[in-house]
Amino acid sequence: MYNVFLVGYYGFANTGDEAILASISDILRNADIRVTALSADPYNTEKDYGIEALSRNRSLEIIDKIGKADLVLAGGGGLFQDSTSQRSLFYYAGLMLLAKALGRKTGFYGQGVGPLQRSLSRSIVQFVAKRMDMITVRDSASRDDLISLGVNSPPILVSADPVFALNPSSPDRGEQILEELGVASEHLIGIAPRHLISQGRGELQEAIVRSLDYISERWKAHIIFIPMHFPYDEELCQRLSSRLRHKGLVLNRFYHPRDLMRLIGSLDLVIGMRLHSLIMAGVMGVPSVGLGYDPKVGRILSQLELEVLPLQDINADKLLEKIFATWDNKEEIKRKLRDKVSILRDRALEDGKRVLEILENKR
């Protein structure tokens, strides 16, 4: 049995990254590959996903595990960007170069590359990428970014975000969660903000609150706040909810990605800044309104033929206009989502076959 070591932002209670880990783990284990993941919370990573996990704080054990792996993968997400942190880029690049120094096969798996705002970041990503044995990216813009850096080998294959291949929990799980939360309403509207908007963006918060108040009253809808990264998003969600005329419900604990995906499938509409709230909505056939705080949101929504509202352009009128346009066309959007998600799911599953090809020395 082959051994793969996954490197990523796992174990930090970020539902998007946890969903990536859950999906990649499933895909690789279905190919009879043993998976070990680097994690900030190895106990819960092992419990939740049925894989081996290694603490990010155990440097010597990490070196040992990498040295024994058949393949080391930078597994999904946006590990190679410097818009949120250049330090994390250095960290992941260092681990991949360590693996090469130890003679291991290495690869980028479903990566979202960029933005790369600093020349040093671009040089590092170019240096690392050229030394990989495989590269798959989740969107064509990430491929173009790598090509613009001069990365022409190995071949850069456009697949999809791994979460497009994630299976939700059982159909009754969403209803069970709603029942536990005491939610009963004809219309359920989910919103997944990012804590970024609490940083000097009062006008955006005001636009969101006014829009949610309006649709809550007009549609008699229940507003459900979905923190995707604990505790950061939860604090913002509580603050926004408290400002509504009809207070919304804030999910106050971390849900397994499969459960959250099923819960999102019970909603009528999702308003999301968090990328993977929008991907989960797409997988479950739920129309969404994407708020574009980062290029990755527009990149992924374009794959679903959905438009994104740039954060800097948002006011209450524009947000409501987009919400109502989405609502009025929800049946057509659902049909389109079925077709597009099917294609993206197949692409995401193909990455498992590519991993096997690398492990078996087929190119």
Protein backbone atom coordinates (compact mmCIF):
# COMPACT_ATOMS: atom_id res chain seq x y z
CA MET A 1 0.00 0.00 0.00
CA TYR A 2 1.30 3.45 -0.92
CA ASN A 3 1.76 6.14 1.73
CA VAL A 4 0.84 9.77 0.99
CA PHE A 5 1.62 12.66 3.32
CA LEU A 6 -0.77 15.63 3.00
CA VAL A 7 0.34 19.16 3.76
CA GLY A 8 -2.31 21.82 4.28
CA TYR A 9 -4.12 24.19 6.64
CA TYR A 10 -5.76 21.36 8.56
CA GLY A 11 -6.89 21.23 12.17
CA PHE A 12 -7.65 24.94 12.54
CA ALA A 13 -11.49 24.65 12.64
CA ASN A 14 -11.73 26.17 9.16
CA THR A 15 -14.57 24.27 7.53
CA GLY A 16 -13.34 24.92 4.00
CA ASP A 17 -9.93 23.38 4.63
CA GLU A 18 -11.47 20.55 6.64
CA ALA A 19 -13.80 19.80 3.72
CA ILE A 20 -10.78 19.71 1.41
CA LEU A 21 -9.07 17.21 3.72
CA ALA A 22 -12.19 15.06 3.99
CA SER A 23 -12.56 14.90 0.21
CA ILE A 24 -8.91 14.22 -0.61
CA SER A 25 -8.75 11.55 2.09
CA ASP A 26 -11.80 9.80 0.63
CA ILE A 27 -10.47 9.95 -2.92
CA LEU A 28 -7.05 8.56 -1.98
CA ARG A 29 -8.33 5.87 0.38
CA ASN A 30 -10.71 4.68 -2.33
CA ALA A 31 -7.57 4.13 -4.40
CA ASP A 32 -6.14 1.99 -1.55
CA ILE A 33 -3.67 4.69 -0.48
CA ARG A 34 -2.76 5.23 3.17
CA VAL A 35 -3.10 8.91 4.14
CA THR A 36 -1.30 10.91 6.81
CA ALA A 37 -2.10 14.61 7.25
CA LEU A 38 -0.25 17.41 8.97
CA SER A 39 -2.64 18.97 11.50
CA ALA A 40 -2.88 21.56 14.25
CA ASP A 41 -5.36 19.22 15.98
CA PRO A 42 -4.26 15.66 15.19
CA TYR A 43 -6.64 14.01 17.66
CA ASN A 44 -9.78 15.39 16.02
CA THR A 45 -8.35 15.01 12.51
CA GLU A 46 -7.89 11.29 13.11
CA LYS A 47 -11.32 10.97 14.75
CA ASP A 48 -13.20 12.93 12.08
CA TYR A 49 -11.58 11.55 8.94
CA GLY A 50 -10.26 8.12 9.87
CA ILE A 51 -6.69 8.86 8.83
CA GLU A 52 -3.38 9.24 10.62
CA ALA A 53 -2.50 12.79 11.63
CA LEU A 54 0.72 14.40 12.80
CA SER A 55 1.06 17.56 14.88
CA ARG A 56 2.56 20.59 13.17
CA ASN A 57 4.65 21.12 16.32
CA ARG A 58 6.58 17.84 16.04
CA SER A 59 9.37 18.83 13.68
CA LEU A 60 11.47 15.68 13.96
CA GLU A 61 8.46 13.42 13.47
CA ILE A 62 7.42 15.47 10.44
CA ILE A 63 10.85 15.00 8.89
CA ASP A 64 10.70 11.27 9.62
CA LYS A 65 7.20 10.88 8.19
CA ILE A 66 8.03 12.85 5.05
CA GLY A 67 11.14 10.74 4.58
CA LYS A 68 9.05 7.55 4.65
CA ALA A 69 6.24 8.78 2.39
CA ASP A 70 5.90 7.61 -1.20
CA LEU A 71 4.44 10.99 -2.15
CA VAL A 72 4.07 14.35 -0.40
CA LEU A 73 1.18 16.52 -1.57
CA ALA A 74 0.29 20.15 -0.96
CA GLY A 75 -3.34 19.24 -0.62
CA GLY A 76 -5.89 21.75 -1.85
CA GLY A 77 -6.78 25.26 -0.79
CA GLY A 78 -4.73 28.39 -1.39
CA LEU A 79 -1.41 27.47 0.16
CA PHE A 80 0.65 29.41 -2.36
CA GLN A 81 -0.55 33.00 -2.05
CA ASP A 82 0.60 35.98 -0.02
CA SER A 83 -2.56 38.04 0.32
CA THR A 84 -3.31 36.64 3.80
CA SER A 85 0.19 35.65 4.88
CA GLN A 86 3.59 35.39 3.26
CA ARG A 87 4.85 33.42 6.24
CA SER A 88 2.49 30.52 5.53
CA LEU A 89 3.69 30.45 1.92
CA PHE A 90 7.28 30.10 3.20
CA TYR A 91 6.16 27.31 5.53
CA TYR A 92 4.46 25.17 2.88
CA ALA A 93 7.15 25.84 0.30
CA GLY A 94 9.76 24.76 2.86
CA LEU A 95 7.97 21.47 3.53
CA MET A 96 7.76 20.67 -0.18
CA LEU A 97 11.45 21.45 -0.68
CA LEU A 98 12.29 19.31 2.36
CA ALA A 99 10.45 16.42 0.73
CA LYS A 100 12.46 16.88 -2.47
CA ALA A 101 15.69 17.03 -0.48
CA LEU A 102 14.73 13.69 1.09
CA GLY A 103 14.18 12.19 -2.35
CA ARG A 104 10.41 12.00 -2.17
CA LYS A 105 7.93 12.45 -5.00
CA THR A 106 5.93 15.64 -4.56
CA GLY A 107 2.94 17.42 -6.03
CA PHE A 108 0.39 20.21 -5.92
CA TYR A 109 -3.10 18.72 -5.56
CA GLY A 110 -6.09 20.87 -6.57
CA GLN A 111 -4.23 24.03 -5.61
CA GLY A 112 -5.48 27.58 -5.95
CA VAL A 113 -2.41 29.68 -6.78
CA GLY A 114 -2.21 33.41 -6.11
CA PRO A 115 -2.54 36.26 -5.60
CA LEU A 116 1.24 36.65 -5.43
CA GLN A 117 1.84 40.31 -4.69
CA ARG A 118 5.53 40.20 -3.76
CA SER A 119 8.44 39.38 -6.05
CA LEU A 120 9.98 37.08 -3.44
CA SER A 121 6.73 35.09 -3.23
CA ARG A 122 6.65 34.70 -7.00
CA SER A 123 10.26 33.53 -7.08
CA ILE A 124 9.66 30.97 -4.34
CA VAL A 125 6.52 29.56 -5.94
CA GLN A 126 8.29 29.30 -9.30
CA PHE A 127 11.27 27.53 -7.69
CA VAL A 128 9.06 25.04 -5.84
CA ALA A 129 6.57 24.38 -8.65
CA LYS A 130 9.25 23.53 -11.19
CA ARG A 131 10.47 20.76 -8.90
CA MET A 132 7.13 19.01 -8.44
CA ASP A 133 6.34 15.63 -9.98
CA MET A 134 2.69 16.58 -10.55
CA ILE A 135 0.63 19.77 -10.50
CA THR A 136 -3.13 19.99 -10.56
CA VAL A 137 -4.89 23.29 -9.93
CA ARG A 138 -8.50 24.05 -9.18
CA ASP A 139 -9.04 26.74 -11.84
CA SER A 140 -7.57 27.93 -15.12
CA ALA A 141 -6.45 31.25 -13.62
CA SER A 142 -4.16 29.36 -11.22
CA ARG A 143 -2.66 27.52 -14.20
CA ASP A 144 -2.16 30.84 -15.99
CA ASP A 145 -0.48 32.30 -12.91
CA LEU A 146 2.01 29.43 -12.83
CA ILE A 147 2.67 29.68 -16.55
CA SER A 148 3.28 33.41 -16.17
CA LEU A 149 5.96 32.54 -13.62
CA GLY A 150 7.71 30.37 -16.19
CA VAL A 151 6.51 27.02 -14.85
CA ASN A 152 6.29 24.75 -17.89
CA SER A 153 7.18 21.42 -16.31
CA PRO A 154 5.60 19.29 -14.97
CA PRO A 155 2.38 19.64 -17.00
CA ILE A 156 -0.16 21.82 -15.19
CA LEU A 157 -3.57 20.14 -15.24
CA VAL A 158 -6.77 22.01 -14.41
CA SER A 159 -9.00 19.84 -12.24
CA ALA A 160 -11.39 21.30 -9.64
CA ASP A 161 -11.59 22.17 -5.99
CA PRO A 162 -11.60 18.83 -4.11
CA VAL A 163 -14.80 19.78 -2.26
CA PHE A 164 -16.79 19.33 -5.47
CA ALA A 165 -16.22 15.60 -4.91
CA LEU A 166 -17.21 15.57 -1.23
CA ASN A 167 -20.30 13.56 -0.34
CA PRO A 168 -22.66 15.05 2.26
CA SER A 169 -23.95 13.13 5.26
CA SER A 170 -27.25 11.23 5.12
CA PRO A 171 -30.32 13.07 3.74
CA ASP A 172 -32.07 13.33 7.10
CA ARG A 173 -29.06 14.91 8.81
CA GLY A 174 -29.88 18.45 7.66
CA GLU A 175 -33.42 18.23 9.00
CA GLN A 176 -32.09 16.74 12.23
CA ILE A 177 -29.70 19.67 12.73
CA LEU A 178 -32.44 22.21 11.99
CA GLU A 179 -34.71 20.44 14.48
CA GLU A 180 -31.96 20.51 17.11
CA LEU A 181 -31.54 24.23 16.46
CA GLY A 182 -35.27 24.83 16.73
CA VAL A 183 -35.55 26.31 13.24
CA ALA A 184 -38.87 26.15 11.46
CA SER A 185 -39.63 28.54 8.62
CA GLU A 186 -40.97 28.49 5.09
CA HIS A 187 -37.77 30.07 3.79
CA LEU A 188 -34.26 29.60 5.14
CA ILE A 189 -31.49 31.98 4.09
CA GLY A 190 -27.88 31.22 5.00
CA ILE A 191 -25.08 33.75 5.19
CA ALA A 192 -21.39 32.93 5.57
CA PRO A 193 -19.44 36.16 6.16
CA ARG A 194 -15.72 36.37 6.69
CA HIS A 195 -14.23 38.12 9.70
CA LEU A 196 -12.41 40.43 7.26
CA ILE A 197 -15.48 42.68 7.09
CA SER A 198 -15.20 43.52 10.79
CA GLN A 199 -11.96 45.37 10.02
CA GLY A 200 -12.91 48.92 9.10
CA ARG A 201 -15.78 47.96 6.79
CA GLY A 202 -18.77 49.42 8.58
CA GLU A 203 -20.51 50.32 5.32
CA LEU A 204 -20.42 46.69 4.18
CA GLN A 205 -21.80 45.45 7.48
CA GLU A 206 -24.58 48.02 7.21
CA ALA A 207 -25.42 46.84 3.67
CA ILE A 208 -25.60 43.23 4.83
CA VAL A 209 -27.77 44.03 7.85
CA ARG A 210 -30.20 46.18 5.83
CA SER A 211 -30.47 43.51 3.13
CA LEU A 212 -31.08 40.69 5.59
CA ASP A 213 -33.71 42.72 7.44
CA TYR A 214 -35.51 43.41 4.18
CA ILE A 215 -35.63 39.83 2.89
CA SER A 216 -36.42 38.48 6.35
CA GLU A 217 -39.54 40.63 6.52
CA ARG A 218 -40.57 40.35 2.89
CA TRP A 219 -40.15 36.57 2.62
CA LYS A 220 -40.83 35.72 6.28
CA ALA A 221 -37.43 34.05 6.12
CA HIS A 222 -35.25 32.76 8.93
CA ILE A 223 -31.64 33.96 8.69
CA ILE A 224 -28.98 31.39 9.58
CA PHE A 225 -25.44 32.63 10.10
CA ILE A 226 -22.79 30.08 9.12
CA PRO A 227 -19.35 30.64 10.68
CA MET A 228 -16.88 28.77 8.48
CA HIS A 229 -13.83 29.51 10.64
CA PHE A 230 -14.10 29.32 14.42
CA PRO A 231 -13.91 31.44 16.50
CA TYR A 232 -13.22 34.35 14.15
CA ASP A 233 -16.31 34.21 11.96
CA GLU A 234 -18.58 33.35 14.89
CA GLU A 235 -17.82 36.64 16.64
CA LEU A 236 -18.75 38.59 13.50
CA CYS A 237 -21.88 36.50 12.95
CA GLN A 238 -23.07 37.18 16.50
CA ARG A 239 -22.49 40.89 15.99
CA LEU A 240 -24.39 41.01 12.70
CA SER A 241 -27.23 38.89 14.05
CA SER A 242 -27.69 41.17 17.05
CA ARG A 243 -28.26 44.11 14.72
CA LEU A 244 -31.15 42.49 12.84
CA ARG A 245 -34.70 43.51 13.68
CA HIS A 246 -35.56 39.81 13.75
CA LYS A 247 -32.48 38.21 15.23
CA GLY A 248 -31.01 35.39 13.19
CA LEU A 249 -29.59 32.08 14.35
CA VAL A 250 -25.82 31.67 14.60
CA LEU A 251 -24.36 28.16 14.38
CA ASN A 252 -22.32 28.15 17.56
CA ARG A 253 -20.16 25.09 17.06
CA PHE A 254 -18.01 23.46 14.42
CA TYR A 255 -19.87 20.94 12.27
CA HIS A 256 -18.25 18.13 10.34
CA PRO A 257 -17.98 19.30 6.71
CA ARG A 258 -20.36 16.55 5.54
CA ASP A 259 -22.97 17.66 8.07
CA LEU A 260 -22.59 21.33 7.19
CA MET A 261 -22.90 20.51 3.51
CA ARG A 262 -26.15 18.66 4.21
CA LEU A 263 -27.42 21.56 6.32
CA ILE A 264 -26.63 24.00 3.51
CA GLY A 265 -28.62 21.72 1.23
CA SER A 266 -31.68 22.43 3.40
CA LEU A 267 -31.46 26.18 2.71
CA ASP A 268 -33.20 28.15 -0.02
CA LEU A 269 -30.39 30.62 -0.67
CA VAL A 270 -26.81 31.18 0.50
CA ILE A 271 -25.06 34.55 0.65
CA GLY A 272 -21.38 33.83 0.98
CA MET A 273 -18.00 35.45 1.32
CA ARG A 274 -16.42 32.18 2.35
CA LEU A 275 -15.52 30.27 -0.81
CA HIS A 276 -16.43 26.83 0.43
CA SER A 277 -19.85 27.90 1.62
CA LEU A 278 -20.51 28.73 -2.03
CA ILE A 279 -18.99 25.47 -3.29
CA MET A 280 -21.09 23.48 -0.81
CA ALA A 281 -24.19 25.37 -1.93
CA GLY A 282 -23.34 24.55 -5.54
CA VAL A 283 -22.84 20.86 -4.81
CA MET A 284 -26.21 20.76 -3.03
CA GLY A 285 -27.98 22.67 -5.82
CA VAL A 286 -28.70 25.73 -3.70
CA PRO A 287 -28.58 29.15 -5.46
CA SER A 288 -26.04 31.54 -3.99
CA VAL A 289 -24.87 35.13 -4.02
CA GLY A 290 -21.09 35.38 -3.86
CA LEU A 291 -19.37 38.36 -2.26
CA GLY A 292 -15.93 38.69 -3.83
CA TYR A 293 -13.36 39.60 -1.19
CA ASP A 294 -10.64 37.63 -3.02
CA PRO A 295 -10.07 36.66 -6.69
CA LYS A 296 -10.58 32.98 -5.84
CA VAL A 297 -14.30 33.55 -5.24
CA GLY A 298 -14.84 34.86 -8.76
CA ARG A 299 -12.58 32.18 -10.24
CA ILE A 300 -14.63 29.34 -8.78
CA LEU A 301 -18.07 30.89 -9.31
CA SER A 302 -17.23 31.44 -12.97
CA GLN A 303 -16.92 27.65 -13.27
CA LEU A 304 -20.57 27.49 -12.18
CA GLU A 305 -21.49 30.35 -14.52
CA LEU A 306 -22.39 32.51 -11.54
CA GLU A 307 -21.40 36.14 -11.11
CA VAL A 308 -19.73 37.60 -8.05
CA LEU A 309 -20.35 40.95 -6.39
CA PRO A 310 -17.00 42.72 -5.82
CA LEU A 311 -16.74 43.69 -2.17
CA GLN A 312 -15.76 47.28 -2.89
CA ASP A 313 -18.91 47.84 -4.98
CA ILE A 314 -21.46 46.49 -2.51
CA ASN A 315 -24.19 48.61 -0.96
CA ALA A 316 -27.64 47.58 0.23
CA ASP A 317 -29.34 48.37 -3.08
CA LYS A 318 -26.87 46.39 -5.18
CA LEU A 319 -26.90 43.46 -2.78
CA LEU A 320 -30.68 43.31 -2.70
CA GLU A 321 -30.84 43.57 -6.48
CA LYS A 322 -28.53 40.57 -6.78
CA ILE A 323 -30.43 38.60 -4.14
CA PHE A 324 -33.78 39.16 -5.88
CA ALA A 325 -32.34 38.38 -9.33
CA THR A 326 -30.98 35.11 -7.96
CA TRP A 327 -34.28 34.29 -6.27
CA ASP A 328 -36.33 35.03 -9.38
CA ASN A 329 -34.09 32.75 -11.47
CA LYS A 330 -33.55 30.04 -8.87
CA GLU A 331 -34.97 27.17 -10.92
CA GLU A 332 -32.76 27.95 -13.89
CA ILE A 333 -29.77 28.33 -11.56
CA LYS A 334 -30.50 24.94 -9.97
CA ARG A 335 -30.60 23.31 -13.39
CA LYS A 336 -27.32 24.93 -14.36
CA LEU A 337 -25.71 23.88 -11.08
CA ARG A 338 -26.60 20.23 -11.66
CA ASP A 339 -24.82 20.24 -15.01
CA LYS A 340 -21.75 22.21 -13.93
CA VAL A 341 -21.21 20.42 -10.61
CA SER A 342 -21.34 17.04 -12.32
CA ILE A 343 -18.45 18.07 -14.58
CA LEU A 344 -16.43 19.55 -11.71
CA ARG A 345 -16.99 16.49 -9.53
CA ASP A 346 -15.60 14.25 -12.26
CA ARG A 347 -12.57 16.52 -12.61
CA ALA A 348 -11.93 16.44 -8.87
CA LEU A 349 -12.14 12.64 -8.80
CA GLU A 350 -9.62 12.41 -11.64
CA ASP A 351 -6.94 13.75 -9.31
CA GLY A 352 -6.97 10.44 -7.45
CA LYS A 353 -6.06 8.64 -10.68
CA ARG A 354 -3.27 11.12 -11.33
CA VAL A 355 -1.83 10.46 -7.89
CA LEU A 356 -1.79 6.73 -8.63
CA GLU A 357 -0.05 7.35 -11.94
CA ILE A 358 2.71 9.27 -10.18
CA LEU A 359 3.06 6.60 -7.51
CA GLU A 360 3.28 3.89 -10.15
CA ASN A 361 5.80 5.92 -12.17
CA LYS A 362 3.46 6.47 -15.10
CA ARG A 363 3.53 9.95 -16.61
